[in-house]
């Protein structure tokens, strides 16, 4: 089952969709977890915002056909036997009723990964895993930018962020399990936005996400499910408009199917829903269809 280790990255919807107050989310990178020297992953996502949950817990049904289509390219390359580097480049198209459409690049991510937990000998319980650090760059407009008066123009979080985490996998004959966790910190910035009262300072904080997943394998087919928990500190604002903000929390449940196309590539389709589990707060909840293709180059 070692050849299927890498599929859990495709099967888990690490991308988290943030609330309208917060811009974008933070995502775990597509790491090399198998015996490969390089991989390239392309993912198409079709997301529909179905509900808004306010900071006081009230749910509001969305009927404005708020749709986001994303094409994301992620690459990873071994820099040494245990060190890898990679990137994530999303391109988004956003539409909604009575609002002009918007297209463009989202926030770019750069990362370094280390095979901190190699599989050197057989163990029934010890997982194989990679630790990583990641930098998110605010390369696209956010809701805080003057140009993003149209909410569809907001394609990113609007802050520099640095995060660190771990991704672990383990298999038993026809079953496999995975776990990932990351914590990140976003940095303050000043913006000049007339709609917000002029120049204000934005003070974001910490955030984190955790994922658990389980898969069943039969020959070249894998069926899986996962749950992702996402948390983000409140974003305070000081200046023309002052606010303490509100923290954000949501859960994402997903089902997926993956199929190996030979020994060096795979195709994955998944469906995720953020309105099924937990007690979300201050979040725009999406239902998302993902289709991913991954090409790998063995060592």
Protein backbone atom coordinates (compact mmCIF):
# COMPACT_ATOMS: atom_id res chain seq x y z
CA UNK A 1 0.00 0.00 0.00
CA UNK A 2 3.00 2.32 0.03
CA UNK A 3 2.20 3.54 -3.46
CA UNK A 4 -1.09 4.92 -2.12
CA UNK A 5 0.44 7.01 0.68
CA UNK A 6 0.50 10.14 -1.46
CA UNK A 7 -3.20 9.89 -2.27
CA UNK A 8 -4.32 11.14 1.12
CA UNK A 9 -3.13 14.61 0.22
CA UNK A 10 -5.42 14.56 -2.82
CA UNK A 11 -8.30 13.04 -0.89
CA UNK A 12 -8.41 15.59 1.93
CA UNK A 13 -9.80 19.06 1.19
CA UNK A 14 -7.20 21.04 3.14
CA UNK A 15 -8.31 24.30 1.61
CA UNK A 16 -10.59 26.09 4.07
CA UNK A 17 -12.97 28.77 2.92
CA UNK A 18 -12.96 31.74 5.26
CA UNK A 19 -15.77 34.01 6.29
CA UNK A 20 -16.56 37.11 4.30
CA UNK A 21 -14.92 39.17 7.05
CA UNK A 22 -11.61 37.42 6.81
CA UNK A 23 -10.64 36.90 3.15
CA UNK A 24 -9.07 33.53 2.41
CA UNK A 25 -7.91 30.54 4.40
CA UNK A 26 -4.66 28.70 5.17
CA UNK A 27 -4.00 25.36 3.51
CA UNK A 28 -1.64 22.45 4.13
CA UNK A 29 0.69 21.99 1.13
CA UNK A 30 0.68 18.98 -1.22
CA UNK A 31 3.75 17.27 0.24
CA UNK A 32 5.79 14.38 -1.13
CA UNK A 33 5.01 11.51 1.24
CA UNK A 34 6.05 8.55 -0.93
CA UNK A 35 9.28 7.43 -2.58
CA UNK A 36 9.33 10.16 -5.21
CA UNK A 37 11.71 12.94 -6.19
CA UNK A 38 9.07 15.31 -7.58
CA UNK A 39 5.34 15.68 -8.04
CA UNK A 40 2.93 18.09 -9.67
CA UNK A 41 -0.72 18.36 -8.60
CA UNK A 42 -3.47 20.26 -10.39
CA UNK A 43 -6.86 20.69 -8.71
CA UNK A 44 -10.10 22.14 -10.03
CA UNK A 45 -12.63 23.20 -7.35
CA UNK A 46 -16.23 24.33 -7.74
CA UNK A 47 -17.55 25.86 -4.52
CA UNK A 48 -21.01 27.23 -3.74
CA UNK A 49 -21.55 29.30 -0.58
CA UNK A 50 -24.74 27.89 0.95
CA UNK A 51 -24.89 29.56 4.38
CA UNK A 52 -23.43 32.39 6.45
CA UNK A 53 -22.98 31.89 10.19
CA UNK A 54 -22.64 35.15 12.12
CA UNK A 55 -20.43 35.71 15.15
CA UNK A 56 -23.47 35.33 17.43
CA UNK A 57 -24.21 31.88 15.99
CA UNK A 58 -27.16 32.86 13.75
CA UNK A 59 -27.43 31.05 10.40
CA UNK A 60 -28.39 32.92 7.22
CA UNK A 61 -29.29 30.98 4.09
CA UNK A 62 -27.51 32.22 0.95
CA UNK A 63 -29.45 32.32 -2.33
CA UNK A 64 -27.26 34.69 -4.38
CA UNK A 65 -25.49 31.91 -6.33
CA UNK A 66 -22.13 32.81 -4.83
CA UNK A 67 -19.76 30.57 -6.77
CA UNK A 68 -15.99 30.23 -6.75
CA UNK A 69 -14.07 28.19 -9.30
CA UNK A 70 -10.42 27.57 -8.49
CA UNK A 71 -7.63 26.01 -10.52
CA UNK A 72 -4.68 25.34 -8.22
CA UNK A 73 -1.24 24.14 -9.29
CA UNK A 74 1.05 22.68 -6.61
CA UNK A 75 4.59 21.42 -7.15
CA UNK A 76 7.09 19.72 -4.86
CA UNK A 77 10.74 18.74 -5.46
CA UNK A 78 13.27 16.89 -3.30
CA UNK A 79 16.22 19.13 -2.43
CA UNK A 80 18.03 16.32 -0.58
CA UNK A 81 17.19 12.84 0.70
CA UNK A 82 14.94 14.27 3.42
CA UNK A 83 14.29 17.91 2.45
CA UNK A 84 11.75 19.14 -0.11
CA UNK A 85 10.54 22.48 -1.39
CA UNK A 86 7.33 23.45 -3.12
CA UNK A 87 4.73 26.03 -4.07
CA UNK A 88 0.99 26.53 -4.42
CA UNK A 89 -0.47 28.82 -7.11
CA UNK A 90 -4.27 29.28 -7.23
CA UNK A 91 -6.25 31.05 -9.95
CA UNK A 92 -9.83 31.97 -8.99
CA UNK A 93 -13.03 32.98 -10.77
CA UNK A 94 -15.82 34.37 -8.55
CA UNK A 95 -19.41 35.15 -9.49
CA UNK A 96 -22.61 36.12 -7.66
CA UNK A 97 -25.98 37.58 -8.59
CA UNK A 98 -26.05 41.39 -9.05
CA UNK A 99 -22.25 41.56 -8.61
CA UNK A 100 -19.61 41.83 -11.36
CA UNK A 101 -17.52 38.69 -11.84
CA UNK A 102 -13.83 38.66 -10.95
CA UNK A 103 -10.92 36.48 -12.04
CA UNK A 104 -7.26 36.39 -11.10
CA UNK A 105 -4.44 34.89 -9.07
CA UNK A 106 -5.02 34.11 -5.40
CA UNK A 107 -2.49 34.08 -2.58
CA UNK A 108 0.73 32.19 -3.44
CA UNK A 109 2.23 29.74 -0.93
CA UNK A 110 5.88 28.63 -0.59
CA UNK A 111 7.02 25.82 1.70
CA UNK A 112 9.82 23.57 2.91
CA UNK A 113 9.15 20.03 4.11
CA UNK A 114 11.33 17.56 6.03
CA UNK A 115 10.89 13.78 6.30
CA UNK A 116 11.10 13.88 10.09
CA UNK A 117 9.39 10.50 10.57
CA UNK A 118 10.82 8.11 7.94
CA UNK A 119 9.73 4.50 7.63
CA UNK A 120 13.04 2.70 8.29
CA UNK A 121 11.61 -0.55 9.64
CA UNK A 122 8.24 -2.25 9.95
CA UNK A 123 5.95 -1.11 12.73
CA UNK A 124 2.28 -1.89 13.15
CA UNK A 125 1.52 1.54 14.61
CA UNK A 126 4.37 3.98 13.91
CA UNK A 127 3.36 6.37 11.10
CA UNK A 128 5.42 7.88 8.33
CA UNK A 129 5.39 11.65 8.15
CA UNK A 130 6.70 15.02 7.05
CA UNK A 131 6.98 18.26 9.00
CA UNK A 132 6.82 21.56 7.14
CA UNK A 133 6.98 25.32 7.31
CA UNK A 134 4.96 27.49 4.93
CA UNK A 135 4.75 31.15 3.93
CA UNK A 136 1.57 32.61 2.41
CA UNK A 137 2.04 35.75 0.33
CA UNK A 138 -0.81 38.30 -0.11
CA UNK A 139 -0.52 38.37 -3.91
CA UNK A 140 -4.22 39.05 -4.54
CA UNK A 141 -6.79 41.64 -3.37
CA UNK A 142 -8.61 41.12 -0.09
CA UNK A 143 -11.78 42.67 1.31
CA UNK A 144 -9.61 45.21 3.09
CA UNK A 145 -8.17 46.66 -0.13
CA UNK A 146 -9.77 49.69 -1.76
CA UNK A 147 -10.01 47.83 -5.08
CA UNK A 148 -12.05 45.08 -3.46
CA UNK A 149 -15.22 47.08 -2.84
CA UNK A 150 -16.87 44.37 -4.93
CA UNK A 151 -16.70 41.30 -2.68
CA UNK A 152 -15.98 39.12 -5.72
CA UNK A 153 -12.66 40.92 -6.12
CA UNK A 154 -11.51 39.47 -2.81
CA UNK A 155 -9.42 36.43 -3.70
CA UNK A 156 -7.04 36.28 -0.74
CA UNK A 157 -6.56 36.78 2.95
CA UNK A 158 -4.69 40.07 2.71
CA UNK A 159 -1.88 39.23 5.16
CA UNK A 160 1.56 37.68 5.17
CA UNK A 161 1.30 34.42 7.13
CA UNK A 162 3.84 31.89 8.38
CA UNK A 163 2.85 28.41 9.50
CA UNK A 164 4.28 25.06 10.56
CA UNK A 165 2.79 21.61 10.76
CA UNK A 166 3.01 17.87 10.29
CA UNK A 167 1.38 15.33 7.94
CA UNK A 168 1.32 11.63 8.96
CA UNK A 169 0.15 8.45 7.19
CA UNK A 170 -0.18 4.80 8.14
CA UNK A 171 -1.58 1.75 6.32
CA UNK A 172 -2.75 -1.72 7.33
CA UNK A 173 -3.31 -4.12 4.40
CA UNK A 174 -6.43 -2.57 2.77
CA UNK A 175 -6.91 0.35 5.19
CA UNK A 176 -4.99 3.57 5.66
CA UNK A 177 -5.26 6.50 8.06
CA UNK A 178 -3.93 10.02 7.94
CA UNK A 179 -3.55 12.99 10.26
CA UNK A 180 -2.31 16.52 9.70
CA UNK A 181 -2.09 19.60 11.88
CA UNK A 182 -0.77 23.10 11.33
CA UNK A 183 -0.55 26.37 13.24
CA UNK A 184 -0.01 29.74 11.58
CA UNK A 185 0.48 33.39 12.44
CA UNK A 186 -0.65 36.34 10.30
CA UNK A 187 1.06 39.73 10.54
CA UNK A 188 -0.39 43.21 11.02
CA UNK A 189 -0.75 45.67 8.14
CA UNK A 190 -2.14 49.14 7.50
CA UNK A 191 -4.69 49.80 4.76
CA UNK A 192 -6.23 52.96 3.34
CA UNK A 193 -9.87 52.22 2.59
CA UNK A 194 -12.49 54.95 2.42
CA UNK A 195 -15.27 52.47 3.09
CA UNK A 196 -13.59 51.59 6.40
CA UNK A 197 -13.05 55.21 7.45
CA UNK A 198 -9.62 55.94 5.98
CA UNK A 199 -6.35 54.51 7.20
CA UNK A 200 -6.70 51.65 9.68
CA UNK A 201 -4.33 49.10 11.19
CA UNK A 202 -5.40 45.47 10.98
CA UNK A 203 -4.20 43.15 13.75
CA UNK A 204 -4.71 39.45 12.91
CA UNK A 205 -3.60 36.66 15.23
CA UNK A 206 -3.07 32.92 15.29
CA UNK A 207 -4.92 30.17 13.48
CA UNK A 208 -4.79 26.41 13.15
CA UNK A 209 -6.34 23.42 11.42
CA UNK A 210 -6.39 19.68 12.07
CA UNK A 211 -7.41 16.86 9.74
CA UNK A 212 -8.19 13.18 10.37
CA UNK A 213 -8.98 10.77 7.57
CA UNK A 214 -9.52 7.09 6.82
CA UNK A 215 -9.31 5.21 3.53
CA UNK A 216 -10.09 1.77 2.11
CA UNK A 217 -8.01 0.41 -0.79
CA UNK A 218 -8.81 -2.20 -3.44
CA UNK A 219 -6.17 -2.65 -6.12
CA UNK A 220 -5.79 0.81 -7.71
CA UNK A 221 -8.93 2.28 -6.12
CA UNK A 222 -9.11 4.19 -2.85
CA UNK A 223 -12.29 5.38 -1.12
CA UNK A 224 -11.87 7.78 1.77
CA UNK A 225 -13.43 10.20 4.18
CA UNK A 226 -12.08 13.01 6.34
CA UNK A 227 -12.94 15.81 8.74
CA UNK A 228 -11.09 19.14 8.93
CA UNK A 229 -11.35 21.56 11.85
CA UNK A 230 -10.32 25.19 11.19
CA UNK A 231 -9.86 28.05 13.67
CA UNK A 232 -8.76 31.68 13.20
CA UNK A 233 -8.29 34.39 15.85
CA UNK A 234 -10.31 37.59 15.59
CA UNK A 235 -8.88 40.35 13.38
CA UNK A 236 -8.81 43.62 15.30
CA UNK A 237 -8.90 47.00 13.53
CA UNK A 238 -7.67 50.32 14.90
CA UNK A 239 -7.97 53.75 13.30
CA UNK A 240 -10.84 55.28 11.32
CA UNK A 241 -12.84 52.16 12.17
CA UNK A 242 -12.08 50.31 15.40
CA UNK A 243 -13.33 46.81 16.15
CA UNK A 244 -12.29 43.81 18.21
CA UNK A 245 -13.48 41.48 15.46
CA UNK A 246 -14.64 37.91 16.08
CA UNK A 247 -12.94 34.56 15.94
CA UNK A 248 -13.75 32.11 13.15
CA UNK A 249 -14.41 28.38 13.45
CA UNK A 250 -15.77 25.71 11.09
CA UNK A 251 -15.63 22.03 10.17
CA UNK A 252 -15.35 20.43 6.73
CA UNK A 253 -16.58 16.87 6.07
CA UNK A 254 -15.57 15.10 2.88
CA UNK A 255 -15.86 11.91 0.84
CA UNK A 256 -13.43 11.02 -1.94
CA UNK A 257 -12.49 8.44 -4.54
CA UNK A 258 -8.98 8.06 -5.99
CA UNK A 259 -7.71 5.88 -8.81
CA UNK A 260 -4.12 5.11 -9.75
CA UNK A 261 -3.40 5.67 -13.45
CA UNK A 262 -0.33 3.45 -13.68
CA UNK A 263 2.46 3.73 -11.11
CA UNK A 264 3.18 7.45 -11.47
CA UNK A 265 -0.13 9.32 -11.63
CA UNK A 266 -3.55 9.39 -9.99
CA UNK A 267 -6.95 10.99 -10.37
CA UNK A 268 -9.10 11.99 -7.37
CA UNK A 269 -12.66 13.33 -7.07
CA UNK A 270 -14.11 14.54 -3.78
CA UNK A 271 -17.12 16.30 -2.30
CA UNK A 272 -16.91 18.43 0.84
CA UNK A 273 -19.55 20.20 2.94
CA UNK A 274 -18.94 22.75 5.69
CA UNK A 275 -22.56 22.86 6.91
CA UNK A 276 -22.81 19.29 8.22
CA UNK A 277 -20.70 19.16 11.39
CA UNK A 278 -19.83 21.08 14.50
CA UNK A 279 -20.75 24.56 15.67
CA UNK A 280 -19.36 27.01 13.07
CA UNK A 281 -18.94 30.67 13.91
CA UNK A 282 -18.28 33.76 11.76
CA UNK A 283 -17.98 31.66 8.59
CA UNK A 284 -19.30 31.46 5.06
CA UNK A 285 -19.98 27.76 4.54
CA UNK A 286 -19.40 26.10 1.17
CA UNK A 287 -20.29 22.90 -0.61
CA UNK A 288 -17.37 22.00 -2.89
CA UNK A 289 -16.57 19.54 -5.66
CA UNK A 290 -12.85 18.90 -6.28
CA UNK A 291 -11.13 17.04 -9.11
CA UNK A 292 -7.36 16.52 -8.82
CA UNK A 293 -4.71 15.00 -11.06
CA UNK A 294 -1.25 14.23 -9.73
CA UNK A 295 1.87 13.27 -11.67
CA UNK A 296 4.85 11.82 -9.79
CA UNK A 297 8.47 11.17 -10.72
CA UNK A 298 10.07 8.28 -8.74
CA UNK A 299 13.53 8.57 -7.23
